[in-house]
Amino acid sequence: MKEINVTGQKRSDLGKKATKMLRKEGLIPCNIYGEKKGENGLPEALAFAVPMSELRKLVYTPHIYVVNILIDGEKHLAVMKELQFHPVTDALLHVDFFAINDEKPVTIGVPVKLNGLAQGVRDGGRMSLIVRKVNVRAKYKDIPETLDIDVTNMTIGKSIKVGDLSFEDLEMVTSKDVVVCTIKATRKSNVTSTDEEENPESE
């Protein structure tokens, strides 16, 4: 996984008014969760704020990152877990991070990358990527930047499901029945198929 550095500052006032003021100043409220739990047994969060200018390169990208967060001089290693956007303007409102370490597995969505020119596409079909990310669980150092899938031998009407995938040191978390990609017939492929049936090659 790629790494990226982010610098933030602790926030103690968690009220709506204070949060609104942060956003006006170009700062985005964030939380980082880890193994630490409060008296109620729920995960305890460290609240901080990060300039939108630093989060933009992390949020608006197809890549996944290990995030080195520096909060008031204290370092935290984390992955981004959840984003909250304004329902009308799509402005970023809040980010949740999850603390990680070298030993404990983490669950994260990894982008899917289809490699090769599928036989079904050569025959006139259309490749459809159904899910762009698949959730996996592993130690963060074992998580690849993309899940590379060879589609060269796929034919029209065939699909690849999560259950068909296997990667070393990765546990698939997304349901095995979820379709990752499929090749659909098109008018061109139907015409080609009909022509081949009407004009078979002579021996």
N, C-alpha and C. Protein backbone atom coordinates (compact mmCIF):
# COMPACT_ATOMS: atom_id res chain seq x y z
N MET A 1 0.83 -1.20 0.00
CA MET A 1 0.00 0.00 0.00
C MET A 1 0.86 1.25 0.00
N LYS A 2 0.40 2.27 -0.68
CA LYS A 2 1.09 3.55 -0.67
C LYS A 2 0.95 4.20 0.71
N GLU A 3 1.88 5.09 1.04
CA GLU A 3 1.80 5.82 2.31
C GLU A 3 1.65 7.30 2.03
N ILE A 4 0.98 7.98 2.94
CA ILE A 4 0.76 9.41 2.80
C ILE A 4 0.81 10.05 4.18
N ASN A 5 1.31 11.27 4.26
CA ASN A 5 1.43 11.98 5.53
C ASN A 5 0.34 13.04 5.67
N VAL A 6 -0.23 13.10 6.87
CA VAL A 6 -1.28 14.09 7.18
C VAL A 6 -0.97 14.70 8.54
N THR A 7 -1.12 15.99 8.65
CA THR A 7 -0.88 16.68 9.92
C THR A 7 -2.17 17.28 10.45
N GLY A 8 -2.47 17.00 11.73
CA GLY A 8 -3.69 17.51 12.33
C GLY A 8 -3.46 18.12 13.69
N GLN A 9 -4.54 18.60 14.29
CA GLN A 9 -4.48 19.19 15.62
C GLN A 9 -5.64 18.67 16.45
N LYS A 10 -5.38 18.40 17.73
CA LYS A 10 -6.43 17.88 18.60
C LYS A 10 -7.54 18.91 18.73
N ARG A 11 -8.77 18.39 18.92
CA ARG A 11 -9.90 19.28 19.19
C ARG A 11 -10.61 18.78 20.44
N SER A 12 -10.89 19.70 21.32
CA SER A 12 -11.52 19.35 22.59
C SER A 12 -13.01 19.72 22.60
N ASP A 13 -13.36 20.78 21.87
CA ASP A 13 -14.76 21.19 21.79
C ASP A 13 -15.42 20.44 20.64
N LEU A 14 -16.32 19.51 20.98
CA LEU A 14 -16.92 18.65 19.96
C LEU A 14 -18.34 19.06 19.59
N GLY A 15 -18.78 20.20 20.07
CA GLY A 15 -20.13 20.67 19.79
C GLY A 15 -20.34 21.07 18.34
N LYS A 16 -21.60 21.18 17.95
CA LYS A 16 -21.93 21.52 16.57
C LYS A 16 -21.41 22.89 16.17
N LYS A 17 -21.47 23.83 17.10
CA LYS A 17 -21.01 25.19 16.79
C LYS A 17 -19.52 25.20 16.51
N ALA A 18 -18.75 24.49 17.35
CA ALA A 18 -17.30 24.44 17.17
C ALA A 18 -16.95 23.72 15.86
N THR A 19 -17.69 22.66 15.56
CA THR A 19 -17.45 21.90 14.33
C THR A 19 -17.72 22.77 13.11
N LYS A 20 -18.77 23.56 13.18
CA LYS A 20 -19.12 24.44 12.07
C LYS A 20 -18.03 25.48 11.84
N MET A 21 -17.48 26.00 12.94
CA MET A 21 -16.41 26.99 12.85
C MET A 21 -15.16 26.38 12.22
N LEU A 22 -14.87 25.13 12.57
CA LEU A 22 -13.71 24.45 11.99
C LEU A 22 -13.82 24.40 10.47
N ARG A 23 -15.00 24.02 10.00
CA ARG A 23 -15.19 23.90 8.55
C ARG A 23 -15.07 25.25 7.86
N LYS A 24 -15.52 26.30 8.51
CA LYS A 24 -15.39 27.65 7.94
C LYS A 24 -13.93 28.05 7.81
N GLU A 25 -13.09 27.48 8.69
CA GLU A 25 -11.67 27.78 8.66
C GLU A 25 -10.89 26.84 7.73
N GLY A 26 -11.63 25.99 7.00
CA GLY A 26 -10.98 25.08 6.07
C GLY A 26 -10.46 23.82 6.71
N LEU A 27 -10.94 23.52 7.93
CA LEU A 27 -10.52 22.31 8.64
C LEU A 27 -11.65 21.28 8.65
N ILE A 28 -11.30 20.00 8.57
CA ILE A 28 -12.29 18.94 8.57
C ILE A 28 -12.19 18.15 9.88
N PRO A 29 -13.30 18.02 10.63
CA PRO A 29 -13.29 17.22 11.87
C PRO A 29 -13.01 15.74 11.54
N CYS A 30 -12.15 15.13 12.35
CA CYS A 30 -11.79 13.73 12.14
C CYS A 30 -11.76 13.00 13.49
N ASN A 31 -11.91 11.69 13.44
CA ASN A 31 -11.72 10.83 14.60
C ASN A 31 -10.78 9.70 14.21
N ILE A 32 -9.98 9.26 15.17
CA ILE A 32 -9.19 8.06 14.96
C ILE A 32 -9.53 7.06 16.05
N TYR A 33 -9.94 5.86 15.64
CA TYR A 33 -10.32 4.81 16.58
C TYR A 33 -9.24 3.74 16.61
N GLY A 34 -9.07 3.14 17.78
CA GLY A 34 -8.11 2.05 17.94
C GLY A 34 -8.67 0.99 18.86
N GLU A 35 -7.79 0.32 19.58
CA GLU A 35 -8.22 -0.72 20.50
C GLU A 35 -8.70 -0.15 21.84
N LYS A 36 -8.36 1.08 22.12
CA LYS A 36 -8.74 1.68 23.39
C LYS A 36 -10.26 1.85 23.48
N LYS A 37 -10.83 1.45 24.64
CA LYS A 37 -12.28 1.56 24.84
C LYS A 37 -12.58 2.35 26.10
N GLY A 38 -13.72 3.01 26.09
CA GLY A 38 -14.14 3.82 27.22
C GLY A 38 -14.83 3.00 28.29
N GLU A 39 -15.37 3.66 29.30
CA GLU A 39 -16.03 2.98 30.42
C GLU A 39 -17.27 2.21 29.98
N ASN A 40 -17.89 2.66 28.89
CA ASN A 40 -19.09 1.99 28.39
C ASN A 40 -18.76 0.80 27.47
N GLY A 41 -17.48 0.55 27.29
CA GLY A 41 -17.07 -0.57 26.46
C GLY A 41 -17.00 -0.28 24.97
N LEU A 42 -17.37 0.94 24.59
CA LEU A 42 -17.34 1.32 23.19
C LEU A 42 -15.97 1.88 22.81
N PRO A 43 -15.59 1.75 21.54
CA PRO A 43 -14.29 2.28 21.11
C PRO A 43 -14.17 3.77 21.42
N GLU A 44 -13.01 4.15 21.92
CA GLU A 44 -12.78 5.54 22.29
C GLU A 44 -12.04 6.24 21.16
N ALA A 45 -12.52 7.39 20.79
CA ALA A 45 -11.95 8.10 19.64
C ALA A 45 -11.06 9.25 20.08
N LEU A 46 -10.03 9.50 19.29
CA LEU A 46 -9.22 10.70 19.44
C LEU A 46 -9.73 11.69 18.41
N ALA A 47 -10.25 12.82 18.87
CA ALA A 47 -10.82 13.81 17.97
C ALA A 47 -9.75 14.81 17.55
N PHE A 48 -9.68 15.08 16.25
CA PHE A 48 -8.71 16.04 15.74
C PHE A 48 -9.26 16.67 14.46
N ALA A 49 -8.55 17.62 13.92
CA ALA A 49 -8.97 18.30 12.70
C ALA A 49 -7.79 18.39 11.74
N VAL A 50 -8.10 18.30 10.45
CA VAL A 50 -7.07 18.33 9.42
C VAL A 50 -7.48 19.33 8.34
N PRO A 51 -6.54 20.12 7.82
CA PRO A 51 -6.88 21.04 6.73
C PRO A 51 -7.41 20.27 5.52
N MET A 52 -8.45 20.80 4.91
CA MET A 52 -9.02 20.17 3.72
C MET A 52 -7.98 20.02 2.63
N SER A 53 -7.03 20.94 2.57
CA SER A 53 -5.99 20.90 1.54
C SER A 53 -5.15 19.63 1.65
N GLU A 54 -4.99 19.10 2.87
CA GLU A 54 -4.22 17.87 3.05
C GLU A 54 -5.07 16.62 2.82
N LEU A 55 -6.36 16.71 3.12
CA LEU A 55 -7.23 15.55 2.95
C LEU A 55 -7.62 15.32 1.50
N ARG A 56 -7.58 16.37 0.70
CA ARG A 56 -8.04 16.25 -0.68
C ARG A 56 -7.28 15.17 -1.44
N LYS A 57 -5.96 15.12 -1.26
CA LYS A 57 -5.15 14.14 -1.97
C LYS A 57 -5.38 12.72 -1.45
N LEU A 58 -5.97 12.60 -0.26
CA LEU A 58 -6.26 11.29 0.32
C LEU A 58 -7.66 10.81 -0.05
N VAL A 59 -8.60 11.74 -0.08
CA VAL A 59 -10.02 11.40 -0.30
C VAL A 59 -10.36 11.24 -1.77
N TYR A 60 -9.92 12.19 -2.60
CA TYR A 60 -10.33 12.19 -4.00
C TYR A 60 -9.28 11.48 -4.86
N THR A 61 -9.18 10.18 -4.66
CA THR A 61 -8.23 9.35 -5.39
C THR A 61 -8.75 7.92 -5.42
N PRO A 62 -8.42 7.16 -6.44
CA PRO A 62 -8.82 5.76 -6.48
C PRO A 62 -7.90 4.87 -5.66
N HIS A 63 -6.78 5.43 -5.20
CA HIS A 63 -5.78 4.65 -4.47
C HIS A 63 -6.15 4.49 -3.00
N ILE A 64 -5.58 3.47 -2.37
CA ILE A 64 -5.72 3.31 -0.92
C ILE A 64 -4.37 3.58 -0.28
N TYR A 65 -4.41 4.11 0.93
CA TYR A 65 -3.19 4.55 1.59
C TYR A 65 -3.11 4.09 3.04
N VAL A 66 -1.88 3.87 3.49
CA VAL A 66 -1.58 3.87 4.91
C VAL A 66 -1.30 5.33 5.25
N VAL A 67 -1.97 5.84 6.28
CA VAL A 67 -1.87 7.26 6.59
C VAL A 67 -1.02 7.48 7.84
N ASN A 68 0.05 8.23 7.68
CA ASN A 68 0.87 8.64 8.81
C ASN A 68 0.32 9.96 9.32
N ILE A 69 -0.39 9.91 10.45
CA ILE A 69 -1.04 11.11 10.99
C ILE A 69 -0.21 11.68 12.13
N LEU A 70 0.17 12.93 12.00
CA LEU A 70 0.91 13.62 13.05
C LEU A 70 -0.04 14.60 13.73
N ILE A 71 -0.39 14.31 15.00
CA ILE A 71 -1.34 15.14 15.74
C ILE A 71 -0.62 15.77 16.92
N ASP A 72 -0.38 17.07 16.83
CA ASP A 72 0.32 17.79 17.89
C ASP A 72 1.62 17.09 18.30
N GLY A 73 2.36 16.65 17.30
CA GLY A 73 3.66 16.04 17.54
C GLY A 73 3.62 14.54 17.82
N GLU A 74 2.43 13.96 17.95
CA GLU A 74 2.29 12.53 18.23
C GLU A 74 1.92 11.79 16.95
N LYS A 75 2.65 10.71 16.65
CA LYS A 75 2.44 9.97 15.41
C LYS A 75 1.42 8.84 15.58
N HIS A 76 0.57 8.67 14.57
CA HIS A 76 -0.42 7.59 14.54
C HIS A 76 -0.42 6.98 13.15
N LEU A 77 -0.43 5.66 13.10
CA LEU A 77 -0.52 4.95 11.83
C LEU A 77 -1.95 4.47 11.66
N ALA A 78 -2.57 4.76 10.52
CA ALA A 78 -4.01 4.47 10.38
C ALA A 78 -4.39 4.25 8.93
N VAL A 79 -5.62 3.76 8.74
CA VAL A 79 -6.24 3.70 7.42
C VAL A 79 -7.57 4.44 7.50
N MET A 80 -8.00 4.98 6.38
CA MET A 80 -9.26 5.71 6.34
C MET A 80 -10.41 4.71 6.32
N LYS A 81 -11.41 4.89 7.18
CA LYS A 81 -12.51 3.93 7.30
C LYS A 81 -13.84 4.46 6.79
N GLU A 82 -14.15 5.71 7.07
CA GLU A 82 -15.47 6.20 6.69
C GLU A 82 -15.43 7.69 6.39
N LEU A 83 -16.16 8.07 5.35
CA LEU A 83 -16.25 9.47 4.95
C LEU A 83 -17.70 9.92 5.04
N GLN A 84 -17.89 11.17 5.45
CA GLN A 84 -19.23 11.74 5.50
C GLN A 84 -19.26 12.99 4.63
N PHE A 85 -20.20 13.02 3.67
CA PHE A 85 -20.32 14.16 2.77
C PHE A 85 -21.67 14.85 2.97
N HIS A 86 -21.72 16.14 2.64
CA HIS A 86 -22.98 16.88 2.69
C HIS A 86 -23.92 16.31 1.64
N PRO A 87 -25.18 16.02 1.99
CA PRO A 87 -26.11 15.38 1.04
C PRO A 87 -26.45 16.22 -0.18
N VAL A 88 -26.28 17.53 -0.10
CA VAL A 88 -26.62 18.41 -1.23
C VAL A 88 -25.38 18.89 -1.98
N THR A 89 -24.40 19.40 -1.25
CA THR A 89 -23.23 20.00 -1.88
C THR A 89 -22.10 19.01 -2.14
N ASP A 90 -22.17 17.83 -1.50
CA ASP A 90 -21.10 16.83 -1.59
C ASP A 90 -19.80 17.29 -0.94
N ALA A 91 -19.87 18.35 -0.14
CA ALA A 91 -18.68 18.80 0.58
C ALA A 91 -18.31 17.78 1.66
N LEU A 92 -17.02 17.56 1.85
CA LEU A 92 -16.55 16.62 2.87
C LEU A 92 -16.83 17.20 4.26
N LEU A 93 -17.51 16.42 5.11
CA LEU A 93 -17.89 16.89 6.43
C LEU A 93 -17.09 16.25 7.56
N HIS A 94 -16.72 14.99 7.39
CA HIS A 94 -16.09 14.26 8.51
C HIS A 94 -15.35 13.04 7.98
N VAL A 95 -14.26 12.68 8.66
CA VAL A 95 -13.49 11.48 8.29
C VAL A 95 -13.19 10.67 9.55
N ASP A 96 -13.42 9.37 9.45
CA ASP A 96 -13.02 8.44 10.53
C ASP A 96 -11.82 7.61 10.07
N PHE A 97 -10.84 7.50 10.95
CA PHE A 97 -9.67 6.66 10.69
C PHE A 97 -9.64 5.53 11.70
N PHE A 98 -8.91 4.46 11.35
CA PHE A 98 -8.74 3.34 12.25
C PHE A 98 -7.26 3.07 12.43
N ALA A 99 -6.80 3.07 13.69
CA ALA A 99 -5.39 2.87 13.99
C ALA A 99 -4.97 1.44 13.65
N ILE A 100 -3.78 1.28 13.10
CA ILE A 100 -3.28 -0.04 12.72
C ILE A 100 -1.87 -0.23 13.26
N ASN A 101 -1.42 -1.49 13.24
CA ASN A 101 -0.04 -1.80 13.60
C ASN A 101 0.45 -2.94 12.71
N ASP A 102 1.69 -3.35 12.91
CA ASP A 102 2.30 -4.35 12.04
C ASP A 102 1.67 -5.74 12.15
N GLU A 103 1.07 -6.05 13.31
CA GLU A 103 0.64 -7.41 13.59
C GLU A 103 -0.86 -7.64 13.45
N LYS A 104 -1.68 -6.65 13.76
CA LYS A 104 -3.13 -6.87 13.77
C LYS A 104 -3.73 -6.70 12.37
N PRO A 105 -4.49 -7.70 11.89
CA PRO A 105 -5.13 -7.58 10.57
C PRO A 105 -6.12 -6.42 10.55
N VAL A 106 -6.29 -5.85 9.37
CA VAL A 106 -7.23 -4.75 9.18
C VAL A 106 -8.10 -5.07 7.97
N THR A 107 -9.35 -4.60 8.00
CA THR A 107 -10.26 -4.79 6.86
C THR A 107 -10.34 -3.50 6.06
N ILE A 108 -10.14 -3.63 4.75
CA ILE A 108 -10.14 -2.43 3.90
C ILE A 108 -10.59 -2.80 2.49
N GLY A 109 -11.21 -1.86 1.80
CA GLY A 109 -11.62 -2.08 0.42
C GLY A 109 -10.46 -1.82 -0.53
N VAL A 110 -10.13 -2.82 -1.36
CA VAL A 110 -9.01 -2.70 -2.29
C VAL A 110 -9.56 -2.60 -3.72
N PRO A 111 -9.07 -1.62 -4.50
CA PRO A 111 -9.55 -1.46 -5.88
C PRO A 111 -9.29 -2.70 -6.74
N VAL A 112 -10.24 -2.99 -7.62
CA VAL A 112 -10.12 -4.11 -8.56
C VAL A 112 -9.49 -3.60 -9.86
N LYS A 113 -8.54 -4.37 -10.40
CA LYS A 113 -7.92 -4.03 -11.68
C LYS A 113 -8.03 -5.24 -12.61
N LEU A 114 -8.70 -5.05 -13.74
CA LEU A 114 -8.88 -6.13 -14.70
C LEU A 114 -7.73 -6.10 -15.71
N ASN A 115 -7.04 -7.23 -15.84
CA ASN A 115 -5.89 -7.30 -16.73
C ASN A 115 -6.16 -8.23 -17.91
N GLY A 116 -5.72 -7.81 -19.07
CA GLY A 116 -5.87 -8.63 -20.27
C GLY A 116 -7.09 -8.26 -21.09
N LEU A 117 -7.07 -8.65 -22.36
CA LEU A 117 -8.21 -8.44 -23.26
C LEU A 117 -9.00 -9.74 -23.31
N ALA A 118 -10.19 -9.70 -22.75
CA ALA A 118 -11.01 -10.91 -22.64
C ALA A 118 -11.45 -11.43 -24.00
N GLN A 119 -11.53 -12.76 -24.11
CA GLN A 119 -12.00 -13.38 -25.35
C GLN A 119 -13.40 -12.89 -25.70
N GLY A 120 -14.24 -12.73 -24.69
CA GLY A 120 -15.61 -12.26 -24.93
C GLY A 120 -15.66 -10.86 -25.50
N VAL A 121 -14.72 -10.01 -25.12
CA VAL A 121 -14.65 -8.66 -25.68
C VAL A 121 -14.17 -8.72 -27.12
N ARG A 122 -13.19 -9.61 -27.40
CA ARG A 122 -12.72 -9.78 -28.78
C ARG A 122 -13.85 -10.29 -29.68
N ASP A 123 -14.78 -11.02 -29.06
CA ASP A 123 -15.93 -11.55 -29.82
C ASP A 123 -17.08 -10.56 -29.92
N GLY A 124 -16.86 -9.34 -29.42
CA GLY A 124 -17.89 -8.30 -29.56
C GLY A 124 -18.70 -8.03 -28.31
N GLY A 125 -18.44 -8.76 -27.22
CA GLY A 125 -19.17 -8.52 -25.96
C GLY A 125 -18.67 -7.29 -25.24
N ARG A 126 -19.36 -6.92 -24.17
CA ARG A 126 -18.99 -5.74 -23.41
C ARG A 126 -18.65 -6.14 -21.97
N MET A 127 -17.45 -5.77 -21.53
CA MET A 127 -17.03 -6.04 -20.16
C MET A 127 -17.66 -5.03 -19.21
N SER A 128 -18.25 -5.53 -18.12
CA SER A 128 -18.83 -4.65 -17.11
C SER A 128 -18.17 -4.93 -15.77
N LEU A 129 -17.58 -3.89 -15.19
CA LEU A 129 -17.01 -4.00 -13.84
C LEU A 129 -18.11 -3.65 -12.86
N ILE A 130 -18.55 -4.62 -12.08
CA ILE A 130 -19.71 -4.44 -11.21
C ILE A 130 -19.32 -3.79 -9.88
N VAL A 131 -18.23 -4.25 -9.28
CA VAL A 131 -17.75 -3.65 -8.04
C VAL A 131 -16.33 -3.15 -8.25
N ARG A 132 -16.07 -1.93 -7.82
CA ARG A 132 -14.75 -1.34 -8.03
C ARG A 132 -13.78 -1.67 -6.89
N LYS A 133 -14.34 -2.06 -5.74
CA LYS A 133 -13.49 -2.44 -4.61
C LYS A 133 -14.03 -3.71 -3.96
N VAL A 134 -13.12 -4.52 -3.46
CA VAL A 134 -13.47 -5.73 -2.72
C VAL A 134 -12.84 -5.62 -1.33
N ASN A 135 -13.64 -5.88 -0.30
CA ASN A 135 -13.12 -5.81 1.06
C ASN A 135 -12.27 -7.04 1.38
N VAL A 136 -11.07 -6.78 1.88
CA VAL A 136 -10.17 -7.87 2.27
C VAL A 136 -9.71 -7.64 3.71
N ARG A 137 -9.21 -8.70 4.32
CA ARG A 137 -8.67 -8.61 5.67
C ARG A 137 -7.28 -9.21 5.69
N ALA A 138 -6.32 -8.44 6.21
CA ALA A 138 -4.93 -8.91 6.26
C ALA A 138 -4.12 -7.90 7.05
N LYS A 139 -2.89 -8.27 7.37
CA LYS A 139 -1.95 -7.30 7.93
C LYS A 139 -1.70 -6.24 6.87
N TYR A 140 -1.62 -4.99 7.28
CA TYR A 140 -1.61 -3.92 6.28
C TYR A 140 -0.43 -4.03 5.32
N LYS A 141 0.69 -4.60 5.76
CA LYS A 141 1.86 -4.72 4.89
C LYS A 141 1.63 -5.77 3.80
N ASP A 142 0.64 -6.64 3.98
CA ASP A 142 0.35 -7.67 2.98
C ASP A 142 -0.74 -7.25 2.00
N ILE A 143 -1.33 -6.07 2.21
CA ILE A 143 -2.43 -5.62 1.36
C ILE A 143 -1.88 -4.93 0.12
N PRO A 144 -2.23 -5.41 -1.07
CA PRO A 144 -1.73 -4.80 -2.31
C PRO A 144 -2.48 -3.51 -2.65
N GLU A 145 -1.91 -2.75 -3.57
CA GLU A 145 -2.55 -1.51 -3.99
C GLU A 145 -3.79 -1.80 -4.83
N THR A 146 -3.77 -2.92 -5.56
CA THR A 146 -4.93 -3.32 -6.37
C THR A 146 -5.06 -4.85 -6.33
N LEU A 147 -6.25 -5.33 -6.59
CA LEU A 147 -6.48 -6.76 -6.77
C LEU A 147 -6.47 -7.02 -8.27
N ASP A 148 -5.37 -7.58 -8.77
CA ASP A 148 -5.21 -7.80 -10.21
C ASP A 148 -5.90 -9.10 -10.62
N ILE A 149 -6.84 -8.99 -11.56
CA ILE A 149 -7.61 -10.15 -12.01
C ILE A 149 -7.39 -10.34 -13.51
N ASP A 150 -6.93 -11.52 -13.90
CA ASP A 150 -6.72 -11.85 -15.31
C ASP A 150 -8.05 -12.27 -15.93
N VAL A 151 -8.49 -11.50 -16.93
CA VAL A 151 -9.80 -11.78 -17.56
C VAL A 151 -9.63 -12.31 -18.99
N THR A 152 -8.41 -12.64 -19.37
CA THR A 152 -8.12 -13.02 -20.76
C THR A 152 -9.03 -14.12 -21.28
N ASN A 153 -9.31 -15.12 -20.46
CA ASN A 153 -10.07 -16.28 -20.92
C ASN A 153 -11.57 -16.17 -20.73
N MET A 154 -12.05 -15.02 -20.23
CA MET A 154 -13.49 -14.87 -20.05
C MET A 154 -14.22 -14.78 -21.38
N THR A 155 -15.34 -15.49 -21.49
CA THR A 155 -16.15 -15.46 -22.70
C THR A 155 -17.48 -14.77 -22.42
N ILE A 156 -18.24 -14.52 -23.48
CA ILE A 156 -19.53 -13.83 -23.35
C ILE A 156 -20.47 -14.62 -22.43
N GLY A 157 -21.08 -13.92 -21.51
CA GLY A 157 -22.01 -14.55 -20.57
C GLY A 157 -21.36 -15.03 -19.29
N LYS A 158 -20.03 -14.98 -19.22
CA LYS A 158 -19.32 -15.45 -18.04
C LYS A 158 -19.10 -14.31 -17.04
N SER A 159 -18.99 -14.68 -15.77
CA SER A 159 -18.76 -13.71 -14.70
C SER A 159 -17.67 -14.22 -13.77
N ILE A 160 -17.06 -13.30 -13.06
CA ILE A 160 -16.12 -13.65 -11.99
C ILE A 160 -16.72 -13.14 -10.68
N LYS A 161 -16.85 -14.04 -9.71
CA LYS A 161 -17.37 -13.68 -8.41
C LYS A 161 -16.23 -13.59 -7.39
N VAL A 162 -16.52 -12.96 -6.26
CA VAL A 162 -15.51 -12.85 -5.21
C VAL A 162 -15.02 -14.23 -4.79
N GLY A 163 -15.93 -15.20 -4.77
CA GLY A 163 -15.56 -16.55 -4.38
C GLY A 163 -14.57 -17.21 -5.33
N ASP A 164 -14.44 -16.66 -6.54
CA ASP A 164 -13.48 -17.20 -7.52
C ASP A 164 -12.08 -16.65 -7.30
N LEU A 165 -11.96 -15.64 -6.45
CA LEU A 165 -10.67 -14.96 -6.26
C LEU A 165 -9.87 -15.59 -5.14
N SER A 166 -8.57 -15.59 -5.31
CA SER A 166 -7.67 -16.10 -4.27
C SER A 166 -6.35 -15.35 -4.36
N PHE A 167 -5.98 -14.72 -3.25
CA PHE A 167 -4.72 -13.99 -3.18
C PHE A 167 -3.98 -14.40 -1.92
N GLU A 168 -2.69 -14.55 -2.04
CA GLU A 168 -1.87 -14.97 -0.91
C GLU A 168 -1.96 -13.99 0.24
N ASP A 169 -2.16 -14.50 1.45
CA ASP A 169 -2.20 -13.73 2.70
C ASP A 169 -3.41 -12.81 2.82
N LEU A 170 -4.39 -12.93 1.90
CA LEU A 170 -5.59 -12.09 1.96
C LEU A 170 -6.82 -12.94 2.22
N GLU A 171 -7.66 -12.48 3.15
CA GLU A 171 -8.96 -13.10 3.39
C GLU A 171 -10.02 -12.22 2.76
N MET A 172 -10.85 -12.81 1.89
CA MET A 172 -11.91 -12.05 1.25
C MET A 172 -13.05 -11.83 2.24
N VAL A 173 -13.42 -10.59 2.46
CA VAL A 173 -14.48 -10.25 3.41
C VAL A 173 -15.81 -10.02 2.68
N THR A 174 -15.75 -9.42 1.50
CA THR A 174 -16.95 -9.26 0.69
C THR A 174 -17.54 -10.63 0.39
N SER A 175 -18.87 -10.74 0.40
CA SER A 175 -19.55 -12.01 0.17
C SER A 175 -19.05 -12.69 -1.11
N LYS A 176 -18.84 -13.99 -1.02
CA LYS A 176 -18.29 -14.75 -2.16
C LYS A 176 -19.25 -14.78 -3.34
N ASP A 177 -20.53 -14.47 -3.12
CA ASP A 177 -21.52 -14.50 -4.20
C ASP A 177 -21.58 -13.19 -4.99
N VAL A 178 -20.86 -12.17 -4.52
CA VAL A 178 -20.88 -10.87 -5.21
C VAL A 178 -20.14 -10.97 -6.54
N VAL A 179 -20.78 -10.52 -7.62
CA VAL A 179 -20.17 -10.54 -8.95
C VAL A 179 -19.22 -9.34 -9.08
N VAL A 180 -17.98 -9.64 -9.46
CA VAL A 180 -16.98 -8.59 -9.64
C VAL A 180 -17.05 -8.01 -11.04
N CYS A 181 -17.09 -8.89 -12.03
CA CYS A 181 -17.18 -8.43 -13.42
C CYS A 181 -17.89 -9.48 -14.26
N THR A 182 -18.43 -9.05 -15.38
CA THR A 182 -19.15 -9.96 -16.27
C THR A 182 -19.04 -9.45 -17.70
N ILE A 183 -19.19 -10.35 -18.66
CA ILE A 183 -19.18 -9.95 -20.06
C ILE A 183 -20.57 -10.18 -20.63
N LYS A 184 -21.17 -9.09 -21.10
CA LYS A 184 -22.52 -9.15 -21.63
C LYS A 184 -22.51 -9.17 -23.15
N ALA A 185 -23.48 -9.86 -23.71
CA ALA A 185 -23.63 -9.90 -25.16
C ALA A 185 -24.09 -8.54 -25.67
N THR A 186 -23.69 -8.18 -26.86
CA THR A 186 -24.12 -6.94 -27.51
C THR A 186 -24.72 -7.29 -28.87
N ARG A 187 -25.29 -6.31 -29.53
CA ARG A 187 -25.86 -6.54 -30.86
C ARG A 187 -24.77 -7.03 -31.81
N LYS A 188 -23.58 -6.45 -31.67
CA LYS A 188 -22.46 -6.83 -32.54
C LYS A 188 -22.08 -8.30 -32.33
N SER A 189 -22.03 -8.71 -31.02
CA SER A 189 -21.65 -10.10 -30.75
C SER A 189 -22.72 -11.06 -31.23
N ASN A 190 -24.00 -10.66 -31.14
CA ASN A 190 -25.09 -11.51 -31.61
C ASN A 190 -25.05 -11.68 -33.12
N VAL A 191 -24.74 -10.58 -33.83
CA VAL A 191 -24.64 -10.63 -35.29
C VAL A 191 -23.49 -11.53 -35.70
N THR A 192 -22.36 -11.38 -35.01
CA THR A 192 -21.18 -12.19 -35.33
C THR A 192 -21.47 -13.66 -35.11
N SER A 193 -22.17 -13.95 -34.00
CA SER A 193 -22.51 -15.34 -33.70
C SER A 193 -23.43 -15.92 -34.76
N THR A 194 -24.41 -15.13 -35.21
CA THR A 194 -25.34 -15.59 -36.25
C THR A 194 -24.62 -15.84 -37.56
N ASP A 195 -23.71 -14.94 -37.92
CA ASP A 195 -22.95 -15.08 -39.16
C ASP A 195 -22.12 -16.37 -39.14
N GLU A 196 -21.52 -16.66 -37.97
CA GLU A 196 -20.70 -17.86 -37.87
C GLU A 196 -21.53 -19.12 -38.02
N GLU A 197 -22.79 -19.06 -37.48
CA GLU A 197 -23.67 -20.23 -37.59
C GLU A 197 -24.13 -20.43 -39.02
N GLU A 198 -24.37 -19.30 -39.73
CA GLU A 198 -24.87 -19.40 -41.11
C GLU A 198 -23.76 -19.69 -42.10
N ASN A 199 -22.52 -19.31 -41.74
CA ASN A 199 -21.40 -19.49 -42.65
C ASN A 199 -20.27 -20.23 -41.95
N PRO A 200 -20.48 -21.49 -41.60
CA PRO A 200 -19.43 -22.24 -40.93
C PRO A 200 -18.24 -22.43 -41.83
N GLU A 201 -17.07 -22.48 -41.27
CA GLU A 201 -15.86 -22.67 -42.05
C GLU A 201 -15.86 -24.06 -42.69
N SER A 202 -15.48 -24.11 -43.91
CA SER A 202 -15.45 -25.39 -44.61
C SER A 202 -14.23 -26.18 -44.19
N GLU A 203 -14.39 -27.51 -44.22
CA GLU A 203 -13.28 -28.39 -43.84
C GLU A 203 -12.20 -28.31 -44.92
